């Protein structure tokens, strides 16, 4: 009997919910291009629209990136049982899926992804909660896969 993917579902729902709620708040509160300092000179909330990939790379390829995101989501769902053997790795899979679906929803509903987290202390691209889920989930999963001990049969 297959197990219910509870840990993956929790990671997925946390990142999808937080991503969509924060984007709705930004969309309703800030006009495009507006910026509000949280910590002046360090962290701002800046309303931007992204039709590219993570951190605004390759602007204008919205449909290509939507299709790519769907392919990645399908691959993750298919490969998860083979690679995610710990709860942390399974949560990371959920975070990646939550982030990917969050940005995918934006692409289909709005035609662009809303980015708003703007660290100004370094010249870093504006990003969102979905990007955090994708990047942190991928790094966590990569570390666990790299250091995973093979199971003895």
Protein backbone atom coordinates (compact mmCIF):
# COMPACT_ATOMS: atom_id res chain seq x y z
CA UNK A 1 0.00 0.00 0.00
CA UNK A 2 1.35 3.42 -0.93
CA UNK A 3 1.73 6.02 1.79
CA UNK A 4 -0.12 9.32 1.62
CA UNK A 5 2.44 12.07 0.85
CA UNK A 6 1.64 14.07 4.02
CA UNK A 7 5.03 15.75 4.44
CA UNK A 8 5.16 16.74 0.77
CA UNK A 9 1.59 18.05 0.98
CA UNK A 10 2.41 20.17 4.04
CA UNK A 11 5.46 21.71 2.30
CA UNK A 12 3.42 22.27 -0.86
CA UNK A 13 0.51 23.96 0.94
CA UNK A 14 2.71 26.17 3.12
CA UNK A 15 4.64 27.60 0.17
CA UNK A 16 1.67 27.83 -2.20
CA UNK A 17 -0.52 29.56 0.40
CA UNK A 18 2.17 31.99 1.62
CA UNK A 19 3.18 32.76 -1.97
CA UNK A 20 -0.33 33.49 -3.22
CA UNK A 21 -1.40 35.49 -0.14
CA UNK A 22 1.69 37.71 -0.25
CA UNK A 23 1.26 38.30 -3.99
CA UNK A 24 -2.40 39.25 -3.52
CA UNK A 25 -1.44 41.68 -0.76
CA UNK A 26 1.24 43.27 -2.97
CA UNK A 27 -1.09 43.43 -6.00
CA UNK A 28 -3.81 45.14 -3.95
CA UNK A 29 -1.50 47.44 -1.99
CA UNK A 30 1.22 48.63 -4.36
CA UNK A 31 1.00 49.86 -7.94
CA UNK A 32 3.49 48.36 -10.38
CA UNK A 33 6.97 49.79 -9.76
CA UNK A 34 6.15 51.20 -6.32
CA UNK A 35 8.56 50.44 -3.49
CA UNK A 36 8.12 50.64 0.28
CA UNK A 37 11.13 50.34 2.60
CA UNK A 38 10.87 47.75 5.36
CA UNK A 39 14.43 48.46 6.50
CA UNK A 40 15.67 51.51 4.59
CA UNK A 41 18.58 50.66 2.29
CA UNK A 42 18.38 46.95 3.11
CA UNK A 43 14.94 45.44 2.45
CA UNK A 44 12.12 46.94 0.39
CA UNK A 45 8.80 45.62 -0.87
CA UNK A 46 8.89 46.49 -4.57
CA UNK A 47 6.06 45.56 -6.93
CA UNK A 48 7.45 44.11 -10.16
CA UNK A 49 6.10 41.91 -12.95
CA UNK A 50 8.29 39.11 -14.24
CA UNK A 51 7.69 37.33 -17.56
CA UNK A 52 11.04 35.54 -17.36
CA UNK A 53 12.43 32.85 -15.11
CA UNK A 54 13.72 33.10 -11.59
CA UNK A 55 15.24 36.52 -10.84
CA UNK A 56 13.91 37.95 -14.09
CA UNK A 57 16.24 36.03 -16.41
CA UNK A 58 15.03 35.73 -20.05
CA UNK A 59 12.12 38.18 -19.96
CA UNK A 60 9.27 37.60 -22.40
CA UNK A 61 9.29 33.80 -22.51
CA UNK A 62 6.20 33.43 -20.33
CA UNK A 63 4.55 30.53 -22.20
CA UNK A 64 7.82 28.63 -22.62
CA UNK A 65 8.46 28.90 -18.88
CA UNK A 66 4.89 27.82 -18.08
CA UNK A 67 5.36 24.68 -20.18
CA UNK A 68 8.77 24.06 -18.60
CA UNK A 69 7.25 24.43 -15.12
CA UNK A 70 4.57 21.85 -15.95
CA UNK A 71 7.23 19.40 -17.16
CA UNK A 72 9.28 19.96 -13.98
CA UNK A 73 6.22 19.43 -11.76
CA UNK A 74 5.40 16.15 -13.52
CA UNK A 75 9.02 14.96 -13.23
CA UNK A 76 9.11 15.82 -9.53
CA UNK A 77 5.87 13.95 -8.84
CA UNK A 78 7.14 10.89 -10.74
CA UNK A 79 10.65 10.89 -9.23
CA UNK A 80 9.78 11.85 -5.63
CA UNK A 81 9.29 8.30 -4.31
CA UNK A 82 12.73 7.32 -5.64
CA UNK A 83 14.80 10.22 -4.27
CA UNK A 84 13.01 11.64 -1.23
CA UNK A 85 13.70 9.12 1.52
CA UNK A 86 13.70 11.45 4.54
CA UNK A 87 11.02 13.79 5.86
CA UNK A 88 13.23 16.82 5.22
CA UNK A 89 13.83 15.77 1.60
CA UNK A 90 10.10 15.11 1.16
CA UNK A 91 9.26 18.54 2.62
CA UNK A 92 11.79 20.05 0.18
CA UNK A 93 9.95 18.36 -2.70
CA UNK A 94 6.72 19.92 -1.43
CA UNK A 95 8.37 23.34 -1.21
CA UNK A 96 9.62 23.06 -4.80
CA UNK A 97 6.16 22.02 -6.00
CA UNK A 98 4.43 24.76 -4.01
CA UNK A 99 6.76 27.37 -5.48
CA UNK A 100 6.50 26.03 -9.02
CA UNK A 101 2.69 25.88 -8.91
CA UNK A 102 2.52 29.34 -7.28
CA UNK A 103 4.49 30.94 -10.11
CA UNK A 104 2.66 28.83 -12.69
CA UNK A 105 -0.70 30.11 -11.40
CA UNK A 106 0.57 33.67 -11.81
CA UNK A 107 1.64 33.01 -15.40
CA UNK A 108 -1.76 31.60 -16.35
CA UNK A 109 -3.95 34.01 -14.35
CA UNK A 110 -1.99 37.28 -14.66
CA UNK A 111 0.32 36.67 -17.61
CA UNK A 112 3.34 37.41 -15.40
CA UNK A 113 4.77 36.54 -11.99
CA UNK A 114 4.57 39.11 -9.19
CA UNK A 115 7.97 39.61 -7.54
CA UNK A 116 8.33 41.90 -4.53
CA UNK A 117 11.11 40.92 -2.09
CA UNK A 118 13.86 43.44 -2.81
CA UNK A 119 17.16 43.17 -0.90
CA UNK A 120 19.06 46.36 -1.59
CA UNK A 121 22.23 45.77 0.43
CA UNK A 122 23.51 43.74 -2.52
CA UNK A 123 22.51 44.08 -6.16
CA UNK A 124 20.13 41.10 -6.04
CA UNK A 125 17.08 40.53 -8.26
CA UNK A 126 13.60 41.03 -6.82
CA UNK A 127 11.94 37.69 -5.99
CA UNK A 128 8.93 36.14 -4.20
CA UNK A 129 7.97 33.40 -1.74
CA UNK A 130 7.61 30.83 -4.54
CA UNK A 131 11.22 31.46 -5.55
CA UNK A 132 12.28 30.86 -1.94
CA UNK A 133 10.47 27.51 -1.94
CA UNK A 134 12.01 26.47 -5.25
CA UNK A 135 15.59 27.51 -4.43
CA UNK A 136 15.68 26.38 -0.79
CA UNK A 137 13.86 23.15 -1.66
CA UNK A 138 16.28 22.39 -4.51
CA UNK A 139 19.34 23.13 -2.37
CA UNK A 140 18.01 21.01 0.50
CA UNK A 141 17.10 18.15 -1.81
CA UNK A 142 20.49 18.36 -3.54
CA UNK A 143 22.35 18.23 -0.22
CA UNK A 144 20.32 15.25 0.97
CA UNK A 145 20.80 13.39 -2.33
CA UNK A 146 24.54 14.13 -2.31
CA UNK A 147 25.04 12.92 1.26
CA UNK A 148 22.43 10.14 1.26
CA UNK A 149 23.72 6.74 2.22
CA UNK A 150 22.62 3.98 -0.16
CA UNK A 151 20.25 1.54 1.52
CA UNK A 152 21.40 -2.07 1.77
CA UNK A 153 18.97 -4.47 0.17
